[in-house]
Every structure is written in structure tokens, then in C-alpha cells.
N, C-alpha and C. Protein backbone atom coordinates (compact mmCIF):
# COMPACT_ATOMS: atom_id res chain seq x y z
N UNK A 1 118.93 -146.02 74.86
CA UNK A 1 120.20 -145.35 75.07
C UNK A 1 120.23 -144.03 74.30
N UNK A 2 120.72 -142.99 74.92
CA UNK A 2 120.76 -141.67 74.29
C UNK A 2 121.80 -141.64 73.18
N UNK A 3 121.55 -140.81 72.18
CA UNK A 3 122.50 -140.63 71.08
C UNK A 3 123.78 -140.02 71.62
N UNK A 4 124.90 -140.40 71.03
CA UNK A 4 126.20 -139.83 71.42
C UNK A 4 126.70 -138.99 70.26
N UNK A 5 127.36 -137.91 70.57
CA UNK A 5 127.89 -137.00 69.57
C UNK A 5 129.38 -136.83 69.83
N UNK A 6 130.14 -136.73 68.76
CA UNK A 6 131.59 -136.59 68.86
C UNK A 6 131.97 -135.15 68.61
N UNK A 7 132.93 -134.66 69.39
CA UNK A 7 133.47 -133.31 69.24
C UNK A 7 134.98 -133.45 69.07
N UNK A 8 135.54 -132.74 68.10
CA UNK A 8 136.98 -132.76 67.87
C UNK A 8 137.57 -131.45 68.37
N UNK A 9 138.69 -131.55 69.08
CA UNK A 9 139.36 -130.38 69.62
C UNK A 9 140.83 -130.44 69.23
N UNK A 10 141.37 -129.34 68.72
CA UNK A 10 142.79 -129.25 68.40
C UNK A 10 143.53 -128.63 69.57
N UNK A 11 144.59 -129.29 70.02
CA UNK A 11 145.42 -128.80 71.12
C UNK A 11 146.83 -128.57 70.62
N UNK A 12 147.51 -127.58 71.18
CA UNK A 12 148.92 -127.44 70.83
C UNK A 12 149.71 -128.48 71.62
N UNK A 13 150.99 -128.60 71.34
CA UNK A 13 151.82 -129.65 71.96
C UNK A 13 151.81 -129.56 73.48
N UNK A 14 151.95 -128.35 74.02
CA UNK A 14 151.99 -128.18 75.48
C UNK A 14 150.66 -128.58 76.12
N UNK A 15 149.56 -128.15 75.52
CA UNK A 15 148.24 -128.50 76.06
C UNK A 15 148.04 -130.01 76.06
N UNK A 16 148.42 -130.66 74.95
CA UNK A 16 148.27 -132.11 74.85
C UNK A 16 149.15 -132.83 75.88
N UNK A 17 150.40 -132.39 76.04
CA UNK A 17 151.29 -133.02 77.01
C UNK A 17 150.76 -132.88 78.43
N UNK A 18 150.28 -131.69 78.77
CA UNK A 18 149.74 -131.47 80.11
C UNK A 18 148.48 -132.30 80.35
N UNK A 19 147.61 -132.37 79.35
CA UNK A 19 146.38 -133.15 79.48
C UNK A 19 146.71 -134.64 79.58
N UNK A 20 147.67 -135.10 78.78
CA UNK A 20 148.09 -136.50 78.83
C UNK A 20 148.67 -136.86 80.19
N UNK A 21 149.49 -135.96 80.73
CA UNK A 21 150.09 -136.20 82.04
C UNK A 21 149.00 -136.27 83.11
N UNK A 22 148.03 -135.39 83.04
CA UNK A 22 146.91 -135.40 83.99
C UNK A 22 146.13 -136.71 83.87
N UNK A 23 145.89 -137.12 82.64
CA UNK A 23 145.19 -138.38 82.37
C UNK A 23 145.94 -139.56 82.98
N UNK A 24 147.23 -139.62 82.76
CA UNK A 24 148.06 -140.71 83.31
C UNK A 24 148.08 -140.68 84.84
N UNK A 25 148.27 -139.49 85.38
CA UNK A 25 148.38 -139.33 86.84
C UNK A 25 147.11 -139.79 87.56
N UNK A 26 145.96 -139.53 86.96
CA UNK A 26 144.70 -139.87 87.61
C UNK A 26 144.04 -141.12 87.04
N UNK A 27 144.73 -141.74 86.07
CA UNK A 27 144.26 -142.99 85.47
C UNK A 27 142.84 -142.87 84.90
N UNK A 28 142.64 -141.81 84.13
CA UNK A 28 141.39 -141.60 83.42
C UNK A 28 141.73 -141.32 81.96
N UNK A 29 140.77 -141.47 81.08
CA UNK A 29 141.02 -141.24 79.65
C UNK A 29 140.99 -139.75 79.33
N UNK A 30 141.60 -139.43 78.19
CA UNK A 30 141.53 -138.05 77.69
C UNK A 30 140.08 -137.67 77.42
N UNK A 31 139.29 -138.61 76.90
CA UNK A 31 137.88 -138.34 76.64
C UNK A 31 137.13 -138.01 77.93
N UNK A 32 137.43 -138.73 79.00
CA UNK A 32 136.78 -138.47 80.28
C UNK A 32 137.10 -137.06 80.76
N UNK A 33 138.38 -136.68 80.65
CA UNK A 33 138.78 -135.33 81.06
C UNK A 33 138.06 -134.27 80.23
N UNK A 34 137.95 -134.52 78.93
CA UNK A 34 137.25 -133.57 78.06
C UNK A 34 135.79 -133.44 78.44
N UNK A 35 135.13 -134.56 78.69
CA UNK A 35 133.70 -134.51 79.09
C UNK A 35 133.55 -133.75 80.40
N UNK A 36 134.44 -133.99 81.37
CA UNK A 36 134.34 -133.31 82.65
C UNK A 36 134.54 -131.81 82.49
N UNK A 37 135.48 -131.41 81.62
CA UNK A 37 135.71 -129.98 81.38
C UNK A 37 134.48 -129.33 80.74
N UNK A 38 133.86 -130.04 79.81
CA UNK A 38 132.66 -129.52 79.15
C UNK A 38 131.50 -129.41 80.13
N UNK A 39 131.31 -130.44 80.95
CA UNK A 39 130.26 -130.41 81.97
C UNK A 39 130.47 -129.25 82.92
N UNK A 40 131.72 -129.05 83.36
CA UNK A 40 132.04 -127.95 84.27
C UNK A 40 131.73 -126.60 83.62
N UNK A 41 132.10 -126.42 82.35
CA UNK A 41 131.82 -125.16 81.66
C UNK A 41 130.32 -124.92 81.55
N UNK A 42 129.57 -125.95 81.17
CA UNK A 42 128.12 -125.79 81.04
C UNK A 42 127.48 -125.43 82.39
N UNK A 43 127.93 -126.09 83.45
CA UNK A 43 127.38 -125.78 84.78
C UNK A 43 127.73 -124.36 85.21
N UNK A 44 128.97 -123.93 84.94
CA UNK A 44 129.37 -122.57 85.30
C UNK A 44 128.59 -121.53 84.50
N UNK A 45 128.37 -121.81 83.23
CA UNK A 45 127.60 -120.86 82.40
C UNK A 45 126.18 -120.72 82.93
N UNK A 46 125.60 -121.84 83.33
CA UNK A 46 124.23 -121.82 83.85
C UNK A 46 124.15 -121.15 85.21
N UNK A 47 125.03 -121.52 86.12
CA UNK A 47 124.92 -121.01 87.49
C UNK A 47 125.49 -119.61 87.66
N UNK A 48 126.53 -119.27 86.91
CA UNK A 48 127.19 -117.98 87.09
C UNK A 48 126.88 -117.00 85.97
N UNK A 49 126.15 -117.45 84.95
CA UNK A 49 125.84 -116.57 83.83
C UNK A 49 127.08 -116.08 83.09
N UNK A 50 128.07 -116.95 82.94
CA UNK A 50 129.32 -116.56 82.29
C UNK A 50 129.08 -116.12 80.85
N UNK A 51 129.86 -115.16 80.41
CA UNK A 51 129.81 -114.67 79.04
C UNK A 51 131.02 -115.21 78.28
N UNK A 52 130.82 -115.59 77.04
CA UNK A 52 131.91 -116.10 76.21
C UNK A 52 132.39 -115.00 75.28
N UNK A 53 133.65 -114.96 74.85
CA UNK A 53 134.69 -115.93 75.18
C UNK A 53 135.23 -115.70 76.57
N UNK A 54 135.61 -116.79 77.21
CA UNK A 54 136.19 -116.75 78.54
C UNK A 54 137.71 -116.64 78.42
N UNK A 55 138.34 -115.88 79.29
CA UNK A 55 139.79 -115.87 79.37
C UNK A 55 140.19 -117.13 80.12
N UNK A 56 141.03 -117.96 79.50
CA UNK A 56 141.36 -119.25 80.07
C UNK A 56 142.72 -119.30 80.74
N UNK A 57 143.58 -118.32 80.52
CA UNK A 57 144.90 -118.38 81.13
C UNK A 57 145.45 -116.99 81.35
N UNK A 58 146.49 -116.90 82.18
CA UNK A 58 147.10 -115.59 82.42
C UNK A 58 147.70 -115.00 81.15
N UNK A 59 148.04 -115.83 80.15
CA UNK A 59 148.62 -115.33 78.90
C UNK A 59 147.57 -114.63 78.05
N UNK A 60 146.29 -114.69 78.46
CA UNK A 60 145.25 -113.99 77.74
C UNK A 60 144.63 -114.81 76.61
N UNK A 61 144.93 -116.11 76.55
CA UNK A 61 144.29 -116.95 75.54
C UNK A 61 142.80 -117.01 75.85
N UNK A 62 142.01 -117.10 74.80
CA UNK A 62 140.59 -117.26 74.98
C UNK A 62 140.14 -118.52 74.26
N UNK A 63 138.90 -118.89 74.48
CA UNK A 63 138.36 -120.10 73.86
C UNK A 63 138.46 -120.04 72.35
N UNK A 64 138.46 -118.87 71.75
CA UNK A 64 138.52 -118.76 70.31
C UNK A 64 139.93 -118.70 69.75
N UNK A 65 140.95 -118.69 70.60
CA UNK A 65 142.33 -118.54 70.14
C UNK A 65 142.90 -119.83 69.61
């Protein structure tokens, strides 16, 4: 079995509420959603050659904000 690594992410209240609602609506765990988001980012970086930091929202937040 491959080694597993833990990553901690801090979310503001709105981000957590929205992620929790998505988790409940689709009956998946928060961890599953996080893994899927990370997988998607890694695939996009590889296939599209994305440069970081990425703009993540219309408000101009970036991954480092």
C-alpha cells in the first residue's frame, strides 16, 4: 500500500459553508472533495501548463491569499 500524506487547508467561513453544502448535496466527504480538487489542479497544470498563482475567483483571490 502506498504511503499517505496529510495536507491541512485553512478556509474562511464562507468557503467552509459552501464546501460543506456541496459535500452534503453530493453525499461525499470533505476529504474526497479536496482530493478531487487537487487532482484536477495537477492535471490542469500538466495538460495546460498553468502558471501559479492562479486567480481563483472574480474577486481576484489567488491561491496565496
